[in-house]
Structures are given as C-alpha cells and as structure tokens.
Amino acid sequence: MRITREYKPVEADIEALDSTTSTPARVAEDEDHLEKCWGVAVEHFLPTSLKPAATKSSSKSCDASTLAVLSIMAGFTQGQSRLVLEVLEEAVALRTEEDQGDDKDPALQKGDVLNAITLIYERAEAIEAKLIKGKGAKGKGKGRRRSSKGTPKKLGAMSS
C-alpha cells in the first residue's frame, strides 16, 4: 500500500479530532473528502457487513466520529479504497475475535479505523509494531520446524 503522509501529522490530526465537535457541515466535508480521495461514496464503500444494524436501510453508513477518522485515512491512501477496505475488515476481525472481549458487533467503529491506521503504518515499519507482532512472528524464527531430509527420527527421542 502506498502511504502519502508521515505518521506524526496523521496522529496530530486524529488527536485534533477529539477536541472538535461534529456538525452536519463537517460530516458533509468528510463524505466529500472520502469520495474525492477514493472515488467512491462512503455508502458504497462500506459493505453491508460493516454497517451498523440500525443504518443498513438508511443513508448513513457510520457515525460522525468514524467518518472523520475515515476521512483522515483517505487523505494518506488516495486511490486505494480496495486495499483500505481489506485492512478495515482485518481490524474489525481483530476486535471481534473470540479472545478479544465482549464487543462482537461487526459494524465498523472509530476504534477499528484507528487500529487499521496503526496496522498500515506498522506494516510500513513507520511505527513500532504492536498489533501485528503476533501475526508477523507466526511460523518464523527458531520455533519453526523443517521436514527432515534424512532418516526419520524416533518419536521417543524427541524432547519438548
């Protein structure tokens, strides 16, 4: 994935969101920004599985705070809506996994978008890996076993 902004300015934008209030004009700006950057309206961008149950039939795809963070994300991933959607789906899956607490709602939330941003920058090695640590190490390193090319070892001789 191509990232067009450094992590620090993106992080500053996210922190600035917490101090601003959402207005209908701001929501419209965010929707326009998404459409400009990704070439798709937010209603069409999010699949039904990621939309909140109450809004699956209405025109609103997500709440204003989620939309604001999506707008920031669109700003550094222009033209890559398909790749971004894959990362968003992965972030939702991380939250809804069985061992990750009680929040099993598959709808996209602000925290999922924040985690997706973190995943993108971790994969680009722009920030220290926290969310992908377990995945990246799986099957690599010392613990990885290779098939033997010689004679098979006796099962009793293996130590654990």
N, C-alpha and C. Protein backbone atom coordinates (compact mmCIF):
# COMPACT_ATOMS: atom_id res chain seq x y z
N MET A 1 0.84 -1.17 0.00
CA MET A 1 0.00 0.00 0.00
C MET A 1 0.89 1.24 0.00
N ARG A 2 0.48 2.22 -0.76
CA ARG A 2 1.22 3.47 -0.86
C ARG A 2 0.67 4.46 0.17
N ILE A 3 1.55 4.98 1.01
CA ILE A 3 1.16 5.94 2.04
C ILE A 3 1.74 7.29 1.66
N THR A 4 0.92 8.34 1.67
CA THR A 4 1.38 9.64 1.20
C THR A 4 1.66 10.65 2.32
N ARG A 5 1.53 10.23 3.59
CA ARG A 5 1.82 11.14 4.71
C ARG A 5 2.59 10.41 5.79
N GLU A 6 3.41 11.15 6.50
CA GLU A 6 4.13 10.61 7.65
C GLU A 6 3.13 10.32 8.77
N TYR A 7 3.53 9.49 9.72
CA TYR A 7 2.64 9.10 10.80
C TYR A 7 2.35 10.25 11.77
N LYS A 8 3.36 11.06 12.10
CA LYS A 8 3.18 12.13 13.11
C LYS A 8 2.08 13.12 12.74
N PRO A 9 2.03 13.65 11.49
CA PRO A 9 0.93 14.57 11.15
C PRO A 9 -0.44 13.88 11.19
N VAL A 10 -0.49 12.62 10.80
CA VAL A 10 -1.74 11.88 10.86
C VAL A 10 -2.18 11.73 12.31
N GLU A 11 -1.22 11.40 13.17
CA GLU A 11 -1.51 11.26 14.60
C GLU A 11 -2.01 12.58 15.18
N ALA A 12 -1.41 13.69 14.76
CA ALA A 12 -1.84 15.02 15.23
C ALA A 12 -3.26 15.32 14.76
N ASP A 13 -3.60 14.95 13.53
CA ASP A 13 -4.96 15.15 13.03
C ASP A 13 -5.97 14.36 13.84
N ILE A 14 -5.61 13.13 14.19
CA ILE A 14 -6.50 12.28 14.98
C ILE A 14 -6.71 12.88 16.37
N GLU A 15 -5.64 13.36 16.98
CA GLU A 15 -5.75 13.99 18.30
C GLU A 15 -6.58 15.26 18.24
N ALA A 16 -6.48 16.01 17.15
CA ALA A 16 -7.25 17.24 16.98
C ALA A 16 -8.75 16.93 16.84
N LEU A 17 -9.08 15.75 16.33
CA LEU A 17 -10.49 15.38 16.18
C LEU A 17 -11.20 15.31 17.53
N ASP A 18 -10.49 14.89 18.56
CA ASP A 18 -11.11 14.74 19.87
C ASP A 18 -11.57 16.08 20.45
N SER A 19 -10.94 17.16 20.03
CA SER A 19 -11.30 18.47 20.57
C SER A 19 -12.33 19.20 19.71
N THR A 20 -12.69 18.66 18.56
CA THR A 20 -13.67 19.31 17.70
C THR A 20 -15.02 18.62 17.82
N THR A 21 -16.06 19.39 17.56
CA THR A 21 -17.40 18.81 17.59
C THR A 21 -17.87 18.55 16.17
N SER A 22 -18.70 17.55 16.05
CA SER A 22 -19.20 17.17 14.74
C SER A 22 -20.43 18.01 14.38
N THR A 23 -20.40 18.57 13.19
CA THR A 23 -21.54 19.34 12.68
C THR A 23 -21.96 18.73 11.36
N PRO A 24 -23.20 19.00 10.93
CA PRO A 24 -23.62 18.48 9.62
C PRO A 24 -22.69 18.94 8.49
N ALA A 25 -22.16 20.15 8.58
CA ALA A 25 -21.24 20.64 7.55
C ALA A 25 -19.94 19.85 7.57
N ARG A 26 -19.45 19.52 8.77
CA ARG A 26 -18.22 18.73 8.90
C ARG A 26 -18.42 17.32 8.33
N VAL A 27 -19.57 16.72 8.61
CA VAL A 27 -19.88 15.39 8.09
C VAL A 27 -19.90 15.42 6.56
N ALA A 28 -20.51 16.46 5.99
CA ALA A 28 -20.56 16.60 4.54
C ALA A 28 -19.16 16.77 3.96
N GLU A 29 -18.31 17.54 4.65
CA GLU A 29 -16.91 17.71 4.22
C GLU A 29 -16.18 16.37 4.21
N ASP A 30 -16.37 15.60 5.28
CA ASP A 30 -15.71 14.29 5.37
C ASP A 30 -16.18 13.35 4.26
N GLU A 31 -17.49 13.35 4.00
CA GLU A 31 -18.02 12.50 2.92
C GLU A 31 -17.46 12.91 1.57
N ASP A 32 -17.38 14.22 1.33
CA ASP A 32 -16.81 14.72 0.06
C ASP A 32 -15.33 14.34 -0.06
N HIS A 33 -14.60 14.46 1.05
CA HIS A 33 -13.18 14.13 1.05
C HIS A 33 -12.97 12.64 0.72
N LEU A 34 -13.79 11.78 1.32
CA LEU A 34 -13.71 10.34 1.03
C LEU A 34 -13.95 10.08 -0.45
N GLU A 35 -14.98 10.71 -0.97
CA GLU A 35 -15.32 10.49 -2.38
C GLU A 35 -14.22 11.01 -3.31
N LYS A 36 -13.62 12.14 -2.95
CA LYS A 36 -12.54 12.71 -3.75
C LYS A 36 -11.30 11.82 -3.73
N CYS A 37 -10.94 11.31 -2.54
CA CYS A 37 -9.71 10.52 -2.40
C CYS A 37 -9.85 9.09 -2.92
N TRP A 38 -10.99 8.48 -2.67
CA TRP A 38 -11.16 7.07 -3.03
C TRP A 38 -12.04 6.86 -4.25
N GLY A 39 -12.71 7.92 -4.73
CA GLY A 39 -13.55 7.78 -5.91
C GLY A 39 -14.82 6.97 -5.68
N VAL A 40 -15.24 6.89 -4.42
CA VAL A 40 -16.45 6.13 -4.10
C VAL A 40 -17.11 6.78 -2.88
N ALA A 41 -18.42 6.84 -2.90
CA ALA A 41 -19.16 7.39 -1.76
C ALA A 41 -19.07 6.42 -0.59
N VAL A 42 -19.11 6.95 0.63
CA VAL A 42 -18.96 6.11 1.81
C VAL A 42 -20.06 5.06 1.89
N GLU A 43 -21.26 5.38 1.41
CA GLU A 43 -22.36 4.41 1.44
C GLU A 43 -22.02 3.18 0.60
N HIS A 44 -21.32 3.41 -0.50
CA HIS A 44 -20.96 2.31 -1.41
C HIS A 44 -19.62 1.67 -1.02
N PHE A 45 -18.81 2.41 -0.30
CA PHE A 45 -17.50 1.90 0.12
C PHE A 45 -17.63 0.78 1.14
N LEU A 46 -18.45 1.02 2.17
CA LEU A 46 -18.59 0.04 3.24
C LEU A 46 -19.58 -1.05 2.83
N PRO A 47 -19.16 -2.32 2.93
CA PRO A 47 -20.10 -3.40 2.66
C PRO A 47 -21.16 -3.48 3.77
N THR A 48 -22.27 -4.10 3.50
CA THR A 48 -23.35 -4.20 4.47
C THR A 48 -22.88 -4.80 5.79
N SER A 49 -21.95 -5.74 5.73
CA SER A 49 -21.47 -6.39 6.95
C SER A 49 -20.78 -5.44 7.91
N LEU A 50 -20.24 -4.32 7.41
CA LEU A 50 -19.53 -3.36 8.27
C LEU A 50 -20.41 -2.19 8.69
N LYS A 51 -21.65 -2.13 8.19
CA LYS A 51 -22.53 -1.04 8.56
C LYS A 51 -23.30 -1.40 9.83
N PRO A 52 -23.58 -0.40 10.68
CA PRO A 52 -24.37 -0.66 11.88
C PRO A 52 -25.76 -1.17 11.50
N ALA A 53 -26.32 -2.05 12.33
CA ALA A 53 -27.61 -2.67 12.04
C ALA A 53 -28.71 -1.64 11.83
N ALA A 54 -28.73 -0.58 12.62
CA ALA A 54 -29.77 0.43 12.52
C ALA A 54 -29.68 1.22 11.22
N THR A 55 -28.50 1.29 10.62
CA THR A 55 -28.34 2.12 9.42
C THR A 55 -28.26 1.31 8.14
N LYS A 56 -28.42 0.02 8.20
CA LYS A 56 -28.31 -0.78 6.97
C LYS A 56 -29.35 -0.38 5.93
N SER A 57 -30.48 0.15 6.39
CA SER A 57 -31.52 0.56 5.44
C SER A 57 -31.53 2.07 5.21
N SER A 58 -30.85 2.83 6.07
CA SER A 58 -30.84 4.28 5.90
C SER A 58 -29.61 4.72 5.11
N SER A 59 -29.51 6.02 4.88
CA SER A 59 -28.41 6.53 4.05
C SER A 59 -27.10 6.68 4.83
N LYS A 60 -27.15 6.76 6.14
CA LYS A 60 -25.93 6.93 6.93
C LYS A 60 -25.23 5.59 7.11
N SER A 61 -23.94 5.54 6.75
CA SER A 61 -23.17 4.30 6.80
C SER A 61 -22.46 4.10 8.12
N CYS A 62 -22.11 5.20 8.78
CA CYS A 62 -21.39 5.11 10.05
C CYS A 62 -21.57 6.42 10.80
N ASP A 63 -21.18 6.42 12.07
CA ASP A 63 -21.35 7.65 12.86
C ASP A 63 -20.31 8.70 12.46
N ALA A 64 -20.52 9.92 12.93
CA ALA A 64 -19.69 11.06 12.51
C ALA A 64 -18.23 10.91 12.93
N SER A 65 -17.98 10.36 14.12
CA SER A 65 -16.58 10.23 14.56
C SER A 65 -15.83 9.20 13.72
N THR A 66 -16.52 8.11 13.36
CA THR A 66 -15.90 7.09 12.49
C THR A 66 -15.63 7.68 11.12
N LEU A 67 -16.59 8.44 10.61
CA LEU A 67 -16.45 9.08 9.31
C LEU A 67 -15.28 10.06 9.30
N ALA A 68 -15.10 10.80 10.38
CA ALA A 68 -14.00 11.77 10.47
C ALA A 68 -12.65 11.06 10.40
N VAL A 69 -12.52 9.93 11.10
CA VAL A 69 -11.25 9.19 11.08
C VAL A 69 -11.05 8.54 9.71
N LEU A 70 -12.14 8.07 9.09
CA LEU A 70 -12.04 7.52 7.72
C LEU A 70 -11.55 8.59 6.75
N SER A 71 -12.00 9.83 6.96
CA SER A 71 -11.58 10.93 6.11
C SER A 71 -10.07 11.18 6.24
N ILE A 72 -9.56 11.10 7.46
CA ILE A 72 -8.11 11.24 7.67
C ILE A 72 -7.39 10.09 6.96
N MET A 73 -7.93 8.90 7.09
CA MET A 73 -7.31 7.72 6.46
C MET A 73 -7.31 7.86 4.93
N ALA A 74 -8.39 8.39 4.39
CA ALA A 74 -8.47 8.59 2.94
C ALA A 74 -7.41 9.58 2.46
N GLY A 75 -7.06 10.52 3.33
CA GLY A 75 -6.08 11.53 2.98
C GLY A 75 -4.69 11.00 2.70
N PHE A 76 -4.33 9.86 3.28
CA PHE A 76 -2.99 9.33 3.03
C PHE A 76 -3.01 8.01 2.25
N THR A 77 -4.19 7.62 1.75
CA THR A 77 -4.30 6.38 0.95
C THR A 77 -5.11 6.63 -0.33
N GLN A 78 -4.88 7.74 -0.98
CA GLN A 78 -5.66 8.10 -2.16
C GLN A 78 -5.66 6.99 -3.20
N GLY A 79 -6.85 6.73 -3.75
CA GLY A 79 -7.00 5.78 -4.85
C GLY A 79 -6.83 4.32 -4.44
N GLN A 80 -6.83 4.02 -3.17
CA GLN A 80 -6.58 2.65 -2.72
C GLN A 80 -7.71 2.13 -1.84
N SER A 81 -8.94 2.44 -2.19
CA SER A 81 -10.07 2.07 -1.35
C SER A 81 -10.18 0.56 -1.15
N ARG A 82 -9.87 -0.22 -2.16
CA ARG A 82 -9.97 -1.68 -2.04
C ARG A 82 -8.98 -2.21 -0.99
N LEU A 83 -7.75 -1.71 -1.04
CA LEU A 83 -6.74 -2.14 -0.07
C LEU A 83 -7.09 -1.67 1.34
N VAL A 84 -7.61 -0.45 1.45
CA VAL A 84 -8.01 0.09 2.74
C VAL A 84 -9.14 -0.75 3.32
N LEU A 85 -10.09 -1.13 2.49
CA LEU A 85 -11.21 -1.95 2.96
C LEU A 85 -10.73 -3.29 3.52
N GLU A 86 -9.72 -3.87 2.89
CA GLU A 86 -9.16 -5.13 3.41
C GLU A 86 -8.56 -4.93 4.80
N VAL A 87 -7.85 -3.82 5.01
CA VAL A 87 -7.25 -3.54 6.32
C VAL A 87 -8.35 -3.25 7.34
N LEU A 88 -9.40 -2.53 6.94
CA LEU A 88 -10.51 -2.25 7.85
C LEU A 88 -11.20 -3.55 8.28
N GLU A 89 -11.41 -4.45 7.32
CA GLU A 89 -12.03 -5.73 7.65
C GLU A 89 -11.15 -6.53 8.61
N GLU A 90 -9.84 -6.44 8.42
CA GLU A 90 -8.91 -7.11 9.33
C GLU A 90 -8.98 -6.51 10.73
N ALA A 91 -9.09 -5.18 10.82
CA ALA A 91 -9.19 -4.52 12.12
C ALA A 91 -10.48 -4.91 12.84
N VAL A 92 -11.58 -5.01 12.11
CA VAL A 92 -12.84 -5.44 12.71
C VAL A 92 -12.71 -6.88 13.18
N ALA A 93 -12.06 -7.72 12.38
CA ALA A 93 -11.86 -9.12 12.76
C ALA A 93 -11.02 -9.23 14.03
N LEU A 94 -10.00 -8.37 14.16
CA LEU A 94 -9.17 -8.37 15.37
C LEU A 94 -10.02 -8.07 16.61
N ARG A 95 -10.93 -7.11 16.47
CA ARG A 95 -11.77 -6.72 17.61
C ARG A 95 -12.81 -7.79 17.93
N THR A 96 -13.34 -8.45 16.94
CA THR A 96 -14.44 -9.39 17.17
C THR A 96 -13.98 -10.83 17.40
N GLU A 97 -12.67 -11.07 17.42
CA GLU A 97 -12.19 -12.42 17.69
C GLU A 97 -12.65 -12.86 19.07
N GLU A 98 -12.77 -14.15 19.24
CA GLU A 98 -13.33 -14.71 20.48
C GLU A 98 -12.58 -14.27 21.74
N ASP A 99 -11.27 -14.15 21.68
CA ASP A 99 -10.50 -13.83 22.89
C ASP A 99 -10.29 -12.33 23.09
N GLN A 100 -10.98 -11.50 22.35
CA GLN A 100 -10.75 -10.06 22.42
C GLN A 100 -11.83 -9.29 23.17
N GLY A 101 -12.57 -9.92 24.05
CA GLY A 101 -13.55 -9.19 24.85
C GLY A 101 -14.97 -9.45 24.41
N ASP A 102 -15.87 -8.56 24.87
CA ASP A 102 -17.30 -8.77 24.67
C ASP A 102 -17.86 -8.05 23.46
N ASP A 103 -17.12 -7.16 22.82
CA ASP A 103 -17.65 -6.36 21.71
C ASP A 103 -17.59 -7.16 20.41
N LYS A 104 -18.68 -7.83 20.09
CA LYS A 104 -18.73 -8.69 18.90
C LYS A 104 -19.49 -8.05 17.75
N ASP A 105 -19.89 -6.79 17.88
CA ASP A 105 -20.64 -6.11 16.83
C ASP A 105 -19.74 -5.96 15.60
N PRO A 106 -20.14 -6.54 14.46
CA PRO A 106 -19.28 -6.49 13.27
C PRO A 106 -19.29 -5.14 12.55
N ALA A 107 -20.06 -4.19 13.03
CA ALA A 107 -20.11 -2.87 12.38
C ALA A 107 -18.81 -2.12 12.62
N LEU A 108 -18.41 -1.35 11.62
CA LEU A 108 -17.19 -0.56 11.70
C LEU A 108 -17.33 0.52 12.78
N GLN A 109 -16.32 0.63 13.65
CA GLN A 109 -16.32 1.62 14.71
C GLN A 109 -15.06 2.48 14.60
N LYS A 110 -15.06 3.60 15.29
CA LYS A 110 -13.93 4.52 15.25
C LYS A 110 -12.64 3.80 15.65
N GLY A 111 -12.70 2.97 16.68
CA GLY A 111 -11.52 2.23 17.14
C GLY A 111 -10.96 1.30 16.07
N ASP A 112 -11.86 0.74 15.25
CA ASP A 112 -11.41 -0.15 14.17
C ASP A 112 -10.60 0.65 13.14
N VAL A 113 -11.08 1.85 12.81
CA VAL A 113 -10.38 2.68 11.84
C VAL A 113 -9.03 3.10 12.41
N LEU A 114 -9.00 3.45 13.69
CA LEU A 114 -7.73 3.82 14.34
C LEU A 114 -6.76 2.63 14.32
N ASN A 115 -7.28 1.44 14.60
CA ASN A 115 -6.43 0.24 14.55
C ASN A 115 -5.95 -0.04 13.12
N ALA A 116 -6.81 0.20 12.13
CA ALA A 116 -6.42 0.00 10.74
C ALA A 116 -5.29 0.96 10.35
N ILE A 117 -5.39 2.21 10.81
CA ILE A 117 -4.32 3.18 10.55
C ILE A 117 -3.02 2.69 11.18
N THR A 118 -3.11 2.21 12.41
CA THR A 118 -1.93 1.68 13.09
C THR A 118 -1.35 0.49 12.32
N LEU A 119 -2.22 -0.42 11.86
CA LEU A 119 -1.76 -1.58 11.09
C LEU A 119 -1.01 -1.14 9.83
N ILE A 120 -1.54 -0.17 9.12
CA ILE A 120 -0.91 0.30 7.88
C ILE A 120 0.50 0.83 8.16
N TYR A 121 0.62 1.68 9.18
CA TYR A 121 1.93 2.25 9.49
C TYR A 121 2.88 1.22 10.10
N GLU A 122 2.35 0.24 10.82
CA GLU A 122 3.21 -0.83 11.34
C GLU A 122 3.78 -1.66 10.19
N ARG A 123 2.94 -1.98 9.23
CA ARG A 123 3.41 -2.77 8.08
C ARG A 123 4.43 -2.01 7.27
N ALA A 124 4.30 -0.69 7.25
CA ALA A 124 5.27 0.13 6.53
C ALA A 124 6.52 0.37 7.38
N GLU A 125 6.49 -0.17 8.60
CA GLU A 125 7.59 -0.03 9.56
C GLU A 125 7.88 1.42 9.90
N ALA A 126 6.82 2.25 9.87
CA ALA A 126 6.97 3.65 10.25
C ALA A 126 6.81 3.83 11.75
N ILE A 127 6.13 2.87 12.40
CA ILE A 127 5.98 2.90 13.86
C ILE A 127 6.25 1.49 14.39
N GLU A 128 6.47 1.41 15.69
CA GLU A 128 6.76 0.12 16.32
C GLU A 128 5.53 -0.78 16.24
N ALA A 129 5.73 -2.03 15.88
CA ALA A 129 4.64 -2.98 15.72
C ALA A 129 4.06 -3.36 17.07
N LYS A 130 2.74 -3.19 17.21
CA LYS A 130 2.02 -3.62 18.41
C LYS A 130 0.91 -4.58 18.02
N LEU A 131 0.18 -4.24 16.97
CA LEU A 131 -0.97 -5.05 16.56
C LEU A 131 -0.58 -6.24 15.70
N ILE A 132 0.51 -6.13 14.93
CA ILE A 132 0.86 -7.23 14.03
C ILE A 132 1.96 -8.11 14.57
N LYS A 133 2.40 -7.87 15.81
CA LYS A 133 3.50 -8.63 16.38
C LYS A 133 3.24 -10.13 16.32
N GLY A 134 2.07 -10.56 16.78
CA GLY A 134 1.75 -11.99 16.79
C GLY A 134 1.67 -12.58 15.41
N LYS A 135 1.09 -11.84 14.47
CA LYS A 135 0.95 -12.36 13.12
C LYS A 135 2.28 -12.44 12.40
N GLY A 136 3.10 -11.43 12.56
CA GLY A 136 4.36 -11.39 11.82
C GLY A 136 5.33 -12.46 12.25
N ALA A 137 5.28 -12.85 13.52
CA ALA A 137 6.24 -13.83 14.04
C ALA A 137 5.77 -15.26 13.82
N LYS A 138 4.52 -15.43 13.46
CA LYS A 138 3.98 -16.78 13.32
C LYS A 138 4.71 -17.55 12.22
N GLY A 139 5.20 -18.71 12.55
CA GLY A 139 5.83 -19.57 11.54
C GLY A 139 7.23 -19.14 11.15
N LYS A 140 7.84 -18.22 11.89
CA LYS A 140 9.18 -17.77 11.53
C LYS A 140 10.10 -17.94 12.73
N GLY A 141 11.37 -17.92 12.48
CA GLY A 141 12.34 -17.94 13.56
C GLY A 141 12.70 -19.33 14.04
N LYS A 142 13.22 -19.38 15.28
CA LYS A 142 13.74 -20.62 15.83
C LYS A 142 12.70 -21.71 15.98
N GLY A 143 11.49 -21.34 16.34
CA GLY A 143 10.46 -22.33 16.62
C GLY A 143 9.95 -23.07 15.39
N ARG A 144 10.34 -22.63 14.24
CA ARG A 144 9.84 -23.23 13.01
C ARG A 144 10.53 -24.56 12.76
N ARG A 145 9.73 -25.58 12.48
CA ARG A 145 10.31 -26.90 12.21
C ARG A 145 10.37 -27.13 10.72
N ARG A 146 11.40 -27.80 10.31
CA ARG A 146 11.56 -28.15 8.90
C ARG A 146 11.50 -29.65 8.76
N SER A 147 11.01 -30.09 7.63
CA SER A 147 10.96 -31.53 7.42
C SER A 147 12.38 -32.06 7.26
N SER A 148 12.59 -33.23 7.82
CA SER A 148 13.94 -33.78 7.73
C SER A 148 14.12 -34.45 6.37
N LYS A 149 15.30 -34.33 5.83
CA LYS A 149 15.57 -34.92 4.53
C LYS A 149 16.29 -36.25 4.67
N GLY A 150 16.76 -36.53 5.87
CA GLY A 150 17.48 -37.78 6.11
C GLY A 150 16.55 -38.85 6.65
N THR A 151 17.09 -39.67 7.51
CA THR A 151 16.29 -40.74 8.09
C THR A 151 15.35 -40.17 9.14
N PRO A 152 14.15 -40.73 9.24
CA PRO A 152 13.21 -40.21 10.23
C PRO A 152 13.70 -40.50 11.65
N LYS A 153 13.46 -39.55 12.55
CA LYS A 153 13.86 -39.70 13.94
C LYS A 153 12.82 -40.52 14.68
N LYS A 154 13.26 -41.17 15.74
CA LYS A 154 12.31 -41.93 16.56
C LYS A 154 11.50 -40.95 17.38
N LEU A 155 10.23 -41.24 17.54
CA LEU A 155 9.36 -40.36 18.30
C LEU A 155 9.78 -40.25 19.76
N GLY A 156 10.29 -41.32 20.33
CA GLY A 156 10.71 -41.31 21.73
C GLY A 156 11.92 -40.43 21.97
N ALA A 157 12.69 -40.15 20.96
CA ALA A 157 13.92 -39.39 21.11
C ALA A 157 13.67 -37.88 21.09
N MET A 158 12.45 -37.46 20.72
CA MET A 158 12.17 -36.02 20.65
C MET A 158 12.01 -35.44 22.04
N SER A 159 12.59 -34.28 22.26
CA SER A 159 12.43 -33.62 23.55
C SER A 159 11.58 -32.38 23.35
N SER A 160 10.78 -32.05 24.33
CA SER A 160 9.94 -30.88 24.18
C SER A 160 10.27 -29.80 25.14
